[in-house]
Amino acid sequence: MSNELPKLPEVKFNRNGYEIRTEVLAMAKDLIQNEYSMKFHGWEITGEKDSSGQIITKVAMPEFPGLDKVLEAAEKMYNFVSSTSVAKK
Protein backbone atom coordinates (compact mmCIF):
# COMPACT_ATOMS: atom_id res chain seq x y z
CA MET A 1 0.00 0.00 0.00
CA SER A 2 1.33 3.41 -0.92
CA ASN A 3 1.60 6.24 1.61
CA GLU A 4 1.13 8.88 -1.08
CA LEU A 5 -1.86 11.14 -0.74
CA PRO A 6 -4.09 11.51 -3.78
CA LYS A 7 -3.27 14.58 -5.82
CA LEU A 8 -5.86 17.30 -6.10
CA PRO A 9 -6.85 18.50 -9.54
CA GLU A 10 -5.02 21.54 -10.76
CA VAL A 11 -7.15 24.66 -10.38
CA LYS A 12 -6.59 27.44 -12.85
CA PHE A 13 -7.98 30.73 -11.56
CA ASN A 14 -6.85 33.09 -14.29
CA ARG A 15 -8.19 32.49 -17.77
CA ASN A 16 -6.99 34.28 -20.82
CA GLY A 17 -9.31 36.13 -23.17
CA TYR A 18 -9.51 33.28 -25.66
CA GLU A 19 -10.64 30.83 -22.99
CA ILE A 20 -13.28 33.23 -21.72
CA ARG A 21 -14.59 33.97 -25.22
CA THR A 22 -14.67 30.24 -26.02
CA GLU A 23 -16.78 29.57 -22.93
CA VAL A 24 -19.10 32.47 -23.70
CA LEU A 25 -19.50 31.23 -27.29
CA ALA A 26 -20.36 27.73 -26.01
CA MET A 27 -22.93 29.19 -23.61
CA ALA A 28 -24.46 31.28 -26.41
CA LYS A 29 -24.64 28.25 -28.70
CA ASP A 30 -26.36 26.22 -26.00
CA LEU A 31 -28.80 29.06 -25.26
CA ILE A 32 -29.76 29.52 -28.91
CA GLN A 33 -29.98 25.76 -29.49
CA ASN A 34 -32.24 25.30 -26.45
CA GLU A 35 -34.44 28.20 -27.54
CA TYR A 36 -34.83 26.67 -31.00
CA SER A 37 -35.55 23.22 -29.55
CA MET A 38 -38.30 24.58 -27.34
CA LYS A 39 -39.88 26.51 -30.21
CA PHE A 40 -39.64 23.47 -32.48
CA HIS A 41 -41.24 21.28 -29.81
CA GLY A 42 -44.06 23.80 -29.46
CA TRP A 43 -44.56 23.75 -33.21
CA GLU A 44 -44.53 19.95 -33.22
CA ILE A 45 -47.19 19.53 -30.55
CA THR A 46 -49.57 22.07 -32.08
CA GLY A 47 -49.72 20.27 -35.41
CA GLU A 48 -52.76 18.24 -36.38
CA LYS A 49 -53.39 16.03 -39.38
CA ASP A 50 -56.35 16.36 -41.67
CA SER A 51 -58.16 13.42 -43.27
CA SER A 52 -55.49 13.11 -45.98
CA GLY A 53 -52.64 12.99 -43.45
CA GLN A 54 -51.35 16.50 -44.17
CA ILE A 55 -50.13 18.47 -41.15
CA ILE A 56 -52.24 21.51 -40.32
CA THR A 57 -50.81 24.00 -37.84
CA LYS A 58 -51.49 27.56 -36.85
CA VAL A 59 -47.97 28.04 -35.51
CA ALA A 60 -45.15 28.67 -37.99
CA MET A 61 -42.13 26.40 -37.81
CA PRO A 62 -39.26 28.34 -36.21
CA GLU A 63 -36.37 29.36 -38.41
CA PHE A 64 -33.21 27.42 -37.60
CA PRO A 65 -30.69 29.80 -36.00
CA GLY A 66 -27.44 30.07 -37.86
CA LEU A 67 -23.97 31.19 -36.88
CA ASP A 68 -24.97 34.87 -36.99
CA LYS A 69 -27.59 34.33 -34.27
CA VAL A 70 -25.07 32.47 -32.07
CA LEU A 71 -22.39 35.12 -32.55
CA GLU A 72 -24.89 37.89 -31.81
CA ALA A 73 -25.90 36.21 -28.54
CA ALA A 74 -22.25 35.55 -27.65
CA GLU A 75 -21.33 39.19 -28.27
CA LYS A 76 -24.18 40.38 -26.04
CA MET A 77 -23.13 37.96 -23.30
CA TYR A 78 -19.45 38.87 -23.59
CA ASN A 79 -20.24 42.60 -23.51
CA PHE A 80 -22.32 42.08 -20.39
CA VAL A 81 -19.54 40.13 -18.66
CA SER A 82 -16.75 42.51 -19.66
CA SER A 83 -18.75 45.68 -18.97
CA THR A 84 -17.30 47.90 -16.27
CA SER A 85 -20.48 49.97 -16.07
CA VAL A 86 -22.39 47.22 -14.26
CA ALA A 87 -23.72 48.70 -11.03
CA LYS A 88 -22.06 47.27 -7.96
CA LYS A 89 -24.09 46.65 -4.85
PDB file of N, CA and C in Angstrom:
ATOM      1  N   MET A   1       0.841  -1.179   0.000  1.00  0.00           N
ATOM      2  CA  MET A   1       0.000   0.000   0.000  1.00  0.00           C
ATOM      3  C   MET A   1       0.887   1.243   0.000  1.00  0.00           C
ATOM      4  N   SER A   2       0.538   2.200  -0.782  1.00  0.00           N
ATOM      5  CA  SER A   2       1.334   3.410  -0.917  1.00  0.00           C
ATOM      6  C   SER A   2       0.914   4.442   0.116  1.00  0.00           C
ATOM      7  N   ASN A   3       1.886   5.196   0.626  1.00  0.00           N
ATOM      8  CA  ASN A   3       1.603   6.242   1.610  1.00  0.00           C
ATOM      9  C   ASN A   3       1.369   7.598   0.952  1.00  0.00           C
ATOM     10  N   GLU A   4       1.339   7.618  -0.366  1.00  0.00           N
ATOM     11  CA  GLU A   4       1.128   8.885  -1.077  1.00  0.00           C
ATOM     12  C   GLU A   4      -0.324   9.319  -0.980  1.00  0.00           C
ATOM     13  N   LEU A   5      -0.516  10.581  -0.755  1.00  0.00           N
ATOM     14  CA  LEU A   5      -1.855  11.141  -0.736  1.00  0.00           C
ATOM     15  C   LEU A   5      -2.317  11.372  -2.165  1.00  0.00           C
ATOM     16  N   PRO A   6      -3.607  11.230  -2.419  1.00  0.00           N
ATOM     17  CA  PRO A   6      -4.090  11.511  -3.777  1.00  0.00           C
ATOM     18  C   PRO A   6      -3.864  12.979  -4.118  1.00  0.00           C
ATOM     19  N   LYS A   7      -3.530  13.207  -5.374  1.00  0.00           N
ATOM     20  CA  LYS A   7      -3.272  14.577  -5.819  1.00  0.00           C
ATOM     21  C   LYS A   7      -4.586  15.260  -6.166  1.00  0.00           C
ATOM     22  N   LEU A   8      -4.681  16.503  -5.766  1.00  0.00           N
ATOM     23  CA  LEU A   8      -5.858  17.301  -6.097  1.00  0.00           C
ATOM     24  C   LEU A   8      -5.757  17.785  -7.532  1.00  0.00           C
ATOM     25  N   PRO A   9      -6.900  17.975  -8.168  1.00  0.00           N
ATOM     26  CA  PRO A   9      -6.850  18.496  -9.538  1.00  0.00           C
ATOM     27  C   PRO A   9      -6.277  19.906  -9.555  1.00  0.00           C
ATOM     28  N   GLU A  10      -5.598  20.217 -10.624  1.00  0.00           N
ATOM     29  CA  GLU A  10      -5.022  21.541 -10.764  1.00  0.00           C
ATOM     30  C   GLU A  10      -6.136  22.554 -11.011  1.00  0.00           C
ATOM     31  N   VAL A  11      -6.141  23.608 -10.247  1.00  0.00           N
ATOM     32  CA  VAL A  11      -7.150  24.656 -10.382  1.00  0.00           C
ATOM     33  C   VAL A  11      -6.495  25.857 -11.049  1.00  0.00           C
ATOM     34  N   LYS A  12      -7.118  26.296 -12.110  1.00  0.00           N
ATOM     35  CA  LYS A  12      -6.589  27.439 -12.849  1.00  0.00           C
ATOM     36  C   LYS A  12      -7.550  28.609 -12.637  1.00  0.00           C
ATOM     37  N   PHE A  13      -7.118  29.610 -11.900  1.00  0.00           N
ATOM     38  CA  PHE A  13      -7.983  30.729 -11.563  1.00  0.00           C
ATOM     39  C   PHE A  13      -8.023  31.792 -12.650  1.00  0.00           C
ATOM     40  N   ASN A  14      -6.916  32.034 -13.288  1.00  0.00           N
ATOM     41  CA  ASN A  14      -6.852  33.090 -14.294  1.00  0.00           C
ATOM     42  C   ASN A  14      -6.997  32.484 -15.676  1.00  0.00           C
ATOM     43  N   ARG A  15      -7.984  32.952 -16.396  1.00  0.00           N
ATOM     44  CA  ARG A  15      -8.190  32.489 -17.768  1.00  0.00           C
ATOM     45  C   ARG A  15      -7.826  33.620 -18.711  1.00  0.00           C
ATOM     46  N   ASN A  16      -7.301  33.233 -19.846  1.00  0.00           N
ATOM     47  CA  ASN A  16      -6.987  34.277 -20.821  1.00  0.00           C
ATOM     48  C   ASN A  16      -8.249  34.626 -21.621  1.00  0.00           C
ATOM     49  N   GLY A  17      -8.162  35.655 -22.408  1.00  0.00           N
ATOM     50  CA  GLY A  17      -9.314  36.134 -23.165  1.00  0.00           C
ATOM     51  C   GLY A  17      -9.889  35.108 -24.120  1.00  0.00           C
ATOM     52  N   TYR A  18      -9.033  34.304 -24.726  1.00  0.00           N
ATOM     53  CA  TYR A  18      -9.508  33.280 -25.663  1.00  0.00           C
ATOM     54  C   TYR A  18     -10.342  32.231 -24.948  1.00  0.00           C
ATOM     55  N   GLU A  19      -9.899  31.824 -23.759  1.00  0.00           N
ATOM     56  CA  GLU A  19     -10.644  30.830 -22.988  1.00  0.00           C
ATOM     57  C   GLU A  19     -12.006  31.375 -22.567  1.00  0.00           C
ATOM     58  N   ILE A  20     -12.030  32.612 -22.144  1.00  0.00           N
ATOM     59  CA  ILE A  20     -13.285  33.229 -21.725  1.00  0.00           C
ATOM     60  C   ILE A  20     -14.236  33.347 -22.907  1.00  0.00           C
ATOM     61  N   ARG A  21     -13.736  33.825 -24.038  1.00  0.00           N
ATOM     62  CA  ARG A  21     -14.588  33.968 -25.222  1.00  0.00           C
ATOM     63  C   ARG A  21     -15.087  32.621 -25.710  1.00  0.00           C
ATOM     64  N   THR A  22     -14.259  31.584 -25.609  1.00  0.00           N
ATOM     65  CA  THR A  22     -14.675  30.243 -26.017  1.00  0.00           C
ATOM     66  C   THR A  22     -15.810  29.744 -25.134  1.00  0.00           C
ATOM     67  N   GLU A  23     -15.708  29.978 -23.840  1.00  0.00           N
ATOM     68  CA  GLU A  23     -16.776  29.567 -22.927  1.00  0.00           C
ATOM     69  C   GLU A  23     -18.058  30.354 -23.179  1.00  0.00           C
ATOM     70  N   VAL A  24     -17.927  31.643 -23.428  1.00  0.00           N
ATOM     71  CA  VAL A  24     -19.100  32.475 -23.703  1.00  0.00           C
ATOM     72  C   VAL A  24     -19.751  32.023 -25.007  1.00  0.00           C
ATOM     73  N   LEU A  25     -18.960  31.706 -26.013  1.00  0.00           N
ATOM     74  CA  LEU A  25     -19.497  31.227 -27.285  1.00  0.00           C
ATOM     75  C   LEU A  25     -20.244  29.910 -27.092  1.00  0.00           C
ATOM     76  N   ALA A  26     -19.695  29.006 -26.287  1.00  0.00           N
ATOM     77  CA  ALA A  26     -20.363  27.730 -26.013  1.00  0.00           C
ATOM     78  C   ALA A  26     -21.688  27.960 -25.279  1.00  0.00           C
ATOM     79  N   MET A  27     -21.690  28.889 -24.328  1.00  0.00           N
ATOM     80  CA  MET A  27     -22.931  29.189 -23.608  1.00  0.00           C
ATOM     81  C   MET A  27     -23.973  29.786 -24.560  1.00  0.00           C
ATOM     82  N   ALA A  28     -23.538  30.664 -25.449  1.00  0.00           N
ATOM     83  CA  ALA A  28     -24.457  31.276 -26.410  1.00  0.00           C
ATOM     84  C   ALA A  28     -25.028  30.228 -27.353  1.00  0.00           C
ATOM     85  N   LYS A  29     -24.184  29.322 -27.815  1.00  0.00           N
ATOM     86  CA  LYS A  29     -24.641  28.246 -28.701  1.00  0.00           C
ATOM     87  C   LYS A  29     -25.683  27.390 -27.998  1.00  0.00           C
ATOM     88  N   ASP A  30     -25.414  27.029 -26.761  1.00  0.00           N
ATOM     89  CA  ASP A  30     -26.362  26.217 -26.003  1.00  0.00           C
ATOM     90  C   ASP A  30     -27.679  26.958 -25.779  1.00  0.00           C
ATOM     91  N   LEU A  31     -27.597  28.251 -25.474  1.00  0.00           N
ATOM     92  CA  LEU A  31     -28.795  29.057 -25.257  1.00  0.00           C
ATOM     93  C   LEU A  31     -29.649  29.113 -26.517  1.00  0.00           C
ATOM     94  N   ILE A  32     -29.029  29.411 -27.647  1.00  0.00           N
ATOM     95  CA  ILE A  32     -29.757  29.523 -28.913  1.00  0.00           C
ATOM     96  C   ILE A  32     -30.311  28.162 -29.329  1.00  0.00           C
ATOM     97  N   GLN A  33     -29.535  27.112 -29.136  1.00  0.00           N
ATOM     98  CA  GLN A  33     -29.977  25.762 -29.488  1.00  0.00           C
ATOM     99  C   GLN A  33     -31.173  25.342 -28.626  1.00  0.00           C
ATOM    100  N   ASN A  34     -31.125  25.631 -27.334  1.00  0.00           N
ATOM    101  CA  ASN A  34     -32.240  25.297 -26.453  1.00  0.00           C
ATOM    102  C   ASN A  34     -33.491  26.092 -26.809  1.00  0.00           C
ATOM    103  N   GLU A  35     -33.303  27.368 -27.138  1.00  0.00           N
ATOM    104  CA  GLU A  35     -34.438  28.205 -27.541  1.00  0.00           C
ATOM    105  C   GLU A  35     -35.100  27.632 -28.785  1.00  0.00           C
ATOM    106  N   TYR A  36     -34.290  27.242 -29.775  1.00  0.00           N
ATOM    107  CA  TYR A  36     -34.828  26.668 -31.002  1.00  0.00           C
ATOM    108  C   TYR A  36     -35.545  25.352 -30.708  1.00  0.00           C
ATOM    109  N   SER A  37     -34.944  24.513 -29.868  1.00  0.00           N
ATOM    110  CA  SER A  37     -35.547  23.219 -29.552  1.00  0.00           C
ATOM    111  C   SER A  37     -36.917  23.383 -28.900  1.00  0.00           C
ATOM    112  N   MET A  38     -37.023  24.338 -27.995  1.00  0.00           N
ATOM    113  CA  MET A  38     -38.304  24.575 -27.341  1.00  0.00           C
ATOM    114  C   MET A  38     -39.348  25.087 -28.336  1.00  0.00           C
ATOM    115  N   LYS A  39     -38.947  25.998 -29.204  1.00  0.00           N
ATOM    116  CA  LYS A  39     -39.881  26.511 -30.210  1.00  0.00           C
ATOM    117  C   LYS A  39     -40.295  25.400 -31.171  1.00  0.00           C
ATOM    118  N   PHE A  40     -39.344  24.566 -31.560  1.00  0.00           N
ATOM    119  CA  PHE A  40     -39.641  23.465 -32.475  1.00  0.00           C
ATOM    120  C   PHE A  40     -40.601  22.487 -31.811  1.00  0.00           C
ATOM    121  N   HIS A  41     -40.356  22.183 -30.532  1.00  0.00           N
ATOM    122  CA  HIS A  41     -41.238  21.279 -29.811  1.00  0.00           C
ATOM    123  C   HIS A  41     -42.652  21.862 -29.730  1.00  0.00           C
ATOM    124  N   GLY A  42     -42.752  23.152 -29.476  1.00  0.00           N
ATOM    125  CA  GLY A  42     -44.059  23.804 -29.456  1.00  0.00           C
ATOM    126  C   GLY A  42     -44.748  23.711 -30.799  1.00  0.00           C
ATOM    127  N   TRP A  43     -43.997  23.875 -31.866  1.00  0.00           N
ATOM    128  CA  TRP A  43     -44.557  23.754 -33.208  1.00  0.00           C
ATOM    129  C   TRP A  43     -45.022  22.327 -33.447  1.00  0.00           C
ATOM    130  N   GLU A  44     -44.218  21.356 -33.015  1.00  0.00           N
ATOM    131  CA  GLU A  44     -44.530  19.947 -33.221  1.00  0.00           C
ATOM    132  C   GLU A  44     -45.832  19.537 -32.532  1.00  0.00           C
ATOM    133  N   ILE A  45     -46.021  19.982 -31.295  1.00  0.00           N
ATOM    134  CA  ILE A  45     -47.194  19.528 -30.548  1.00  0.00           C
ATOM    135  C   ILE A  45     -48.471  20.256 -30.940  1.00  0.00           C
ATOM    136  N   THR A  46     -48.366  21.361 -31.673  1.00  0.00           N
ATOM    137  CA  THR A  46     -49.570  22.071 -32.085  1.00  0.00           C
ATOM    138  C   THR A  46     -50.082  21.574 -33.435  1.00  0.00           C
ATOM    139  N   GLY A  47     -49.309  20.748 -34.092  1.00  0.00           N
ATOM    140  CA  GLY A  47     -49.720  20.267 -35.408  1.00  0.00           C
ATOM    141  C   GLY A  47     -50.795  19.199 -35.320  1.00  0.00           C
ATOM    142  N   GLU A  48     -51.722  19.253 -36.254  1.00  0.00           N
ATOM    143  CA  GLU A  48     -52.765  18.244 -36.377  1.00  0.00           C
ATOM    144  C   GLU A  48     -52.773  17.758 -37.809  1.00  0.00           C
ATOM    145  N   LYS A  49     -53.293  16.567 -38.017  1.00  0.00           N
ATOM    146  CA  LYS A  49     -53.387  16.033 -39.378  1.00  0.00           C
ATOM    147  C   LYS A  49     -54.833  16.063 -39.840  1.00  0.00           C
ATOM    148  N   ASP A  50     -55.011  16.405 -41.115  1.00  0.00           N
ATOM    149  CA  ASP A  50     -56.352  16.357 -41.674  1.00  0.00           C
ATOM    150  C   ASP A  50     -56.637  14.942 -42.171  1.00  0.00           C
ATOM    151  N   SER A  51     -57.762  14.761 -42.835  1.00  0.00           N
ATOM    152  CA  SER A  51     -58.160  13.418 -43.273  1.00  0.00           C
ATOM    153  C   SER A  51     -57.195  12.801 -44.281  1.00  0.00           C
ATOM    154  N   SER A  52     -56.441  13.634 -44.994  1.00  0.00           N
ATOM    155  CA  SER A  52     -55.488  13.108 -45.977  1.00  0.00           C
ATOM    156  C   SER A  52     -54.093  12.892 -45.384  1.00  0.00           C
ATOM    157  N   GLY A  53     -53.926  13.201 -44.103  1.00  0.00           N
ATOM    158  CA  GLY A  53     -52.637  12.989 -43.451  1.00  0.00           C
ATOM    159  C   GLY A  53     -51.697  14.185 -43.508  1.00  0.00           C
ATOM    160  N   GLN A  54     -52.165  15.288 -44.097  1.00  0.00           N
ATOM    161  CA  GLN A  54     -51.350  16.496 -44.171  1.00  0.00           C
ATOM    162  C   GLN A  54     -51.374  17.208 -42.819  1.00  0.00           C
ATOM    163  N   ILE A  55     -50.210  17.752 -42.421  1.00  0.00           N
ATOM    164  CA  ILE A  55     -50.131  18.466 -41.148  1.00  0.00           C
ATOM    165  C   ILE A  55     -50.728  19.856 -41.296  1.00  0.00           C
ATOM    166  N   ILE A  56     -51.617  20.187 -40.365  1.00  0.00           N
ATOM    167  CA  ILE A  56     -52.235  21.513 -40.320  1.00  0.00           C
ATOM    168  C   ILE A  56     -51.809  22.139 -39.003  1.00  0.00           C
ATOM    169  N   THR A  57     -51.237  23.321 -39.063  1.00  0.00           N
ATOM    170  CA  THR A  57     -50.809  24.002 -37.843  1.00  0.00           C
ATOM    171  C   THR A  57     -51.048  25.491 -37.982  1.00  0.00           C
ATOM    172  N   LYS A  58     -51.301  26.123 -36.859  1.00  0.00           N
ATOM    173  CA  LYS A  58     -51.493  27.564 -36.849  1.00  0.00           C
ATOM    174  C   LYS A  58     -50.217  28.275 -36.416  1.00  0.00           C
ATOM    175  N   VAL A  59     -49.239  27.497 -35.971  1.00  0.00           N
ATOM    176  CA  VAL A  59     -47.965  28.039 -35.511  1.00  0.00           C
ATOM    177  C   VAL A  59     -46.927  27.785 -36.595  1.00  0.00           C
ATOM    178  N   ALA A  60     -46.180  28.819 -36.968  1.00  0.00           N
ATOM    179  CA  ALA A  60     -45.147  28.666 -37.994  1.00  0.00           C
ATOM    180  C   ALA A  60     -43.934  27.941 -37.415  1.00  0.00           C
ATOM    181  N   MET A  61     -43.339  27.091 -38.233  1.00  0.00           N
ATOM    182  CA  MET A  61     -42.129  26.403 -37.807  1.00  0.00           C
ATOM    183  C   MET A  61     -41.038  27.443 -37.584  1.00  0.00           C
ATOM    184  N   PRO A  62     -40.296  27.343 -36.464  1.00  0.00           N
ATOM    185  CA  PRO A  62     -39.256  28.345 -36.208  1.00  0.00           C
ATOM    186  C   PRO A  62     -38.114  28.219 -37.208  1.00  0.00           C
ATOM    187  N   GLU A  63     -37.516  29.342 -37.502  1.00  0.00           N
ATOM    188  CA  GLU A  63     -36.371  29.357 -38.406  1.00  0.00           C
ATOM    189  C   GLU A  63     -35.150  28.855 -37.641  1.00  0.00           C
ATOM    190  N   PHE A  64     -34.389  27.964 -38.259  1.00  0.00           N
ATOM    191  CA  PHE A  64     -33.211  27.421 -37.599  1.00  0.00           C
ATOM    192  C   PHE A  64     -32.168  28.527 -37.445  1.00  0.00           C
ATOM    193  N   PRO A  65     -31.668  28.725 -36.217  1.00  0.00           N
ATOM    194  CA  PRO A  65     -30.691  29.798 -36.001  1.00  0.00           C
ATOM    195  C   PRO A  65     -29.338  29.415 -36.576  1.00  0.00           C
ATOM    196  N   GLY A  66     -28.744  30.326 -37.277  1.00  0.00           N
ATOM    197  CA  GLY A  66     -27.438  30.073 -37.858  1.00  0.00           C
ATOM    198  C   GLY A  66     -26.327  30.664 -37.010  1.00  0.00           C
ATOM    199  N   LEU A  67     -25.150  30.688 -37.563  1.00  0.00           N
ATOM    200  CA  LEU A  67     -23.971  31.191 -36.885  1.00  0.00           C
ATOM    201  C   LEU A  67     -24.129  32.650 -36.473  1.00  0.00           C
ATOM    202  N   ASP A  68     -24.781  33.449 -37.314  1.00  0.00           N
ATOM    203  CA  ASP A  68     -24.967  34.870 -36.988  1.00  0.00           C
ATOM    204  C   ASP A  68     -25.746  35.048 -35.692  1.00  0.00           C
ATOM    205  N   LYS A  69     -26.778  34.242 -35.497  1.00  0.00           N
ATOM    206  CA  LYS A  69     -27.588  34.332 -34.271  1.00  0.00           C
ATOM    207  C   LYS A  69     -26.752  33.945 -33.049  1.00  0.00           C
ATOM    208  N   VAL A  70     -25.925  32.909 -33.173  1.00  0.00           N
ATOM    209  CA  VAL A  70     -25.072  32.468 -32.068  1.00  0.00           C
ATOM    210  C   VAL A  70     -24.038  33.542 -31.746  1.00  0.00           C
ATOM    211  N   LEU A  71     -23.396  34.088 -32.766  1.00  0.00           N
ATOM    212  CA  LEU A  71     -22.387  35.122 -32.548  1.00  0.00           C
ATOM    213  C   LEU A  71     -22.998  36.385 -31.951  1.00  0.00           C
ATOM    214  N   GLU A  72     -24.209  36.724 -32.366  1.00  0.00           N
ATOM    215  CA  GLU A  72     -24.894  37.891 -31.814  1.00  0.00           C
ATOM    216  C   GLU A  72     -25.158  37.690 -30.315  1.00  0.00           C
ATOM    217  N   ALA A  73     -25.639  36.503 -29.954  1.00  0.00           N
ATOM    218  CA  ALA A  73     -25.898  36.207 -28.543  1.00  0.00           C
ATOM    219  C   ALA A  73     -24.594  36.187 -27.752  1.00  0.00           C
ATOM    220  N   ALA A  74     -23.547  35.610 -28.333  1.00  0.00           N
ATOM    221  CA  ALA A  74     -22.252  35.551 -27.652  1.00  0.00           C
ATOM    222  C   ALA A  74     -21.694  36.951 -27.422  1.00  0.00           C
ATOM    223  N   GLU A  75     -21.835  37.815 -28.414  1.00  0.00           N
ATOM    224  CA  GLU A  75     -21.335  39.186 -28.272  1.00  0.00           C
ATOM    225  C   GLU A  75     -22.079  39.922 -27.161  1.00  0.00           C
ATOM    226  N   LYS A  76     -23.394  39.741 -27.100  1.00  0.00           N
ATOM    227  CA  LYS A  76     -24.177  40.381 -26.044  1.00  0.00           C
ATOM    228  C   LYS A  76     -23.745  39.863 -24.673  1.00  0.00           C
ATOM    229  N   MET A  77     -23.544  38.548 -24.579  1.00  0.00           N
ATOM    230  CA  MET A  77     -23.135  37.955 -23.304  1.00  0.00           C
ATOM    231  C   MET A  77     -21.736  38.432 -22.911  1.00  0.00           C
ATOM    232  N   TYR A  78     -20.824  38.452 -23.872  1.00  0.00           N
ATOM    233  CA  TYR A  78     -19.449  38.873 -23.587  1.00  0.00           C
ATOM    234  C   TYR A  78     -19.410  40.341 -23.174  1.00  0.00           C
ATOM    235  N   ASN A  79     -20.191  41.176 -23.859  1.00  0.00           N
ATOM    236  CA  ASN A  79     -20.240  42.601 -23.505  1.00  0.00           C
ATOM    237  C   ASN A  79     -20.788  42.790 -22.100  1.00  0.00           C
ATOM    238  N   PHE A  80     -21.771  41.989 -21.724  1.00  0.00           N
ATOM    239  CA  PHE A  80     -22.319  42.080 -20.386  1.00  0.00           C
ATOM    240  C   PHE A  80     -21.264  41.696 -19.349  1.00  0.00           C
ATOM    241  N   VAL A  81     -20.546  40.608 -19.604  1.00  0.00           N
ATOM    242  CA  VAL A  81     -19.538  40.130 -18.661  1.00  0.00           C
ATOM    243  C   VAL A  81     -18.370  41.097 -18.552  1.00  0.00           C
ATOM    244  N   SER A  82     -17.935  41.654 -19.665  1.00  0.00           N
ATOM    245  CA  SER A  82     -16.752  42.514 -19.657  1.00  0.00           C
ATOM    246  C   SER A  82     -17.079  43.979 -19.366  1.00  0.00           C
ATOM    247  N   SER A  83     -18.351  44.303 -19.217  1.00  0.00           N
ATOM    248  CA  SER A  83     -18.754  45.683 -18.969  1.00  0.00           C
ATOM    249  C   SER A  83     -18.306  46.145 -17.604  1.00  0.00           C
ATOM    250  N   THR A  84     -17.715  47.328 -17.558  1.00  0.00           N
ATOM    251  CA  THR A  84     -17.298  47.899 -16.273  1.00  0.00           C
ATOM    252  C   THR A  84     -18.374  48.829 -15.731  1.00  0.00           C
ATOM    253  N   SER A  85     -19.424  49.052 -16.500  1.00  0.00           N
ATOM    254  CA  SER A  85     -20.478  49.968 -16.073  1.00  0.00           C
ATOM    255  C   SER A  85     -21.590  49.247 -15.310  1.00  0.00           C
ATOM    256  N   VAL A  86     -21.402  47.959 -15.015  1.00  0.00           N
ATOM    257  CA  VAL A  86     -22.394  47.223 -14.256  1.00  0.00           C
ATOM    258  C   VAL A  86     -22.427  47.767 -12.841  1.00  0.00           C
ATOM    259  N   ALA A  87     -23.588  48.113 -12.379  1.00  0.00           N
ATOM    260  CA  ALA A  87     -23.725  48.703 -11.034  1.00  0.00           C
ATOM    261  C   ALA A  87     -23.326  47.692  -9.978  1.00  0.00           C
ATOM    262  N   LYS A  88     -22.476  48.131  -9.056  1.00  0.00           N
ATOM    263  CA  LYS A  88     -22.058  47.274  -7.960  1.00  0.00           C
ATOM    264  C   LYS A  88     -22.918  47.560  -6.739  1.00  0.00           C
ATOM    265  N   LYS A  89     -23.269  46.498  -6.059  1.00  0.00           N
ATOM    266  CA  LYS A  89     -24.095  46.654  -4.853  1.00  0.00           C
ATOM    267  C   LYS A  89     -23.249  46.880  -3.638  1.00  0.00           C
TER     268      LYS A  89
END
